[in-house]
Amino acid sequence: MEKLSMNLTAILKTAMKVLTSAPSFFKEMSKTGGFLEPLIFMVVMGVIGGLIQTIFSFFSLHIAGGMAMGIASIIFVPILIAIFGFVGAAILFVIWKLFGSQESYETAYRCGAYISVLTPIATLLGLIPYIGSAIAIILSIYFLVIASIEVHKIPSQKAWLVFGIIGVILIIINIGGQYSARRLTSHADQYRKQMEKMSEDMKKQAEEMQKQAEEARKATKKMQR
C-alpha cells in the first residue's frame, strides 16, 4: 500500500512538472526505458479524467443515465487511452519522422504519454461548448510543439507551422462535429416531444371514445327499460 502511494505521488509530481515546466521536462525526459512507466502514467491520467466525468455526470438532469455514463467513464476512458496511446504514438512518430526526427517509436510514445497529462483538463474544458474543446486542442498543440523542439530537435518555426495547421483543422472538425451533434439532439428532442404530444392526443381521444361508448351503453339500457 505504501509503495502504491509512493508511485501515485511520483506520478502526480511528474504531472505537475509537465504542466508547469514543459520545456524543462521534455528536455530532460528519458527517451528510453520501456513502455510500462509512460503507460501507467497515461492510464492514471485517464482514471482521473474518468472520475471528473463521473462527478459532473451526477449533476445531469437524467440522474440514472448520468451515473451510468460516469461509471462507464471510469472503466472505459483509461482503457481507450491505453489502446489509442499506441495508435496516437504511431501517428506522431510518422509526423516527427517527416520533420526529420531521428528518434524511435518508443520516444514518440513517451512524448504522447506524458502529454496525456492534459486528459483531466480536457475533460473539464469539454463541459464548455465549442470553446472548451478548442482550448484543449490549442493546449495539446502547444505541448506537441514543445516536445518537437526539445526532444526531436525540430526548428521552432517549422513545428509551430505544421502543428498549428493540424490544430486549426482539428478545431474546425471538432466545432463542426459538435454543431451537427447539437442539431441532431435538438431534432431528436423535437421529434420526442411531437411523439409525446401525439401519444397524449391519442390517449385523450381513446378516453373520449370510451366515455361516449359508456354514455351510449347507458342510453341503450335506459331505452330498454
Foldseek 3Di string as FASTA:
>chain_A
DVVVVVLVVVLVVLLVCCVPPVLVCLLPPDQDDDDVSLLVSLLVLQLLLLQVQQVVLCVDPPNVVSNVSSVVSNVVRSVVSSVCLLVVLVVQVVVLVVLVFPGDSSSSSSLSSSLSSCSNVLSVLVVDQLVSNLVSLVSSLVSSLSNCCNPRVGDSVVSCVVSVVVSVVVSVVVNVVSVVVVVVVVVVVVVVVVVVVVVVVVVVVVVVVVVVVVVVVVVVVVVVD
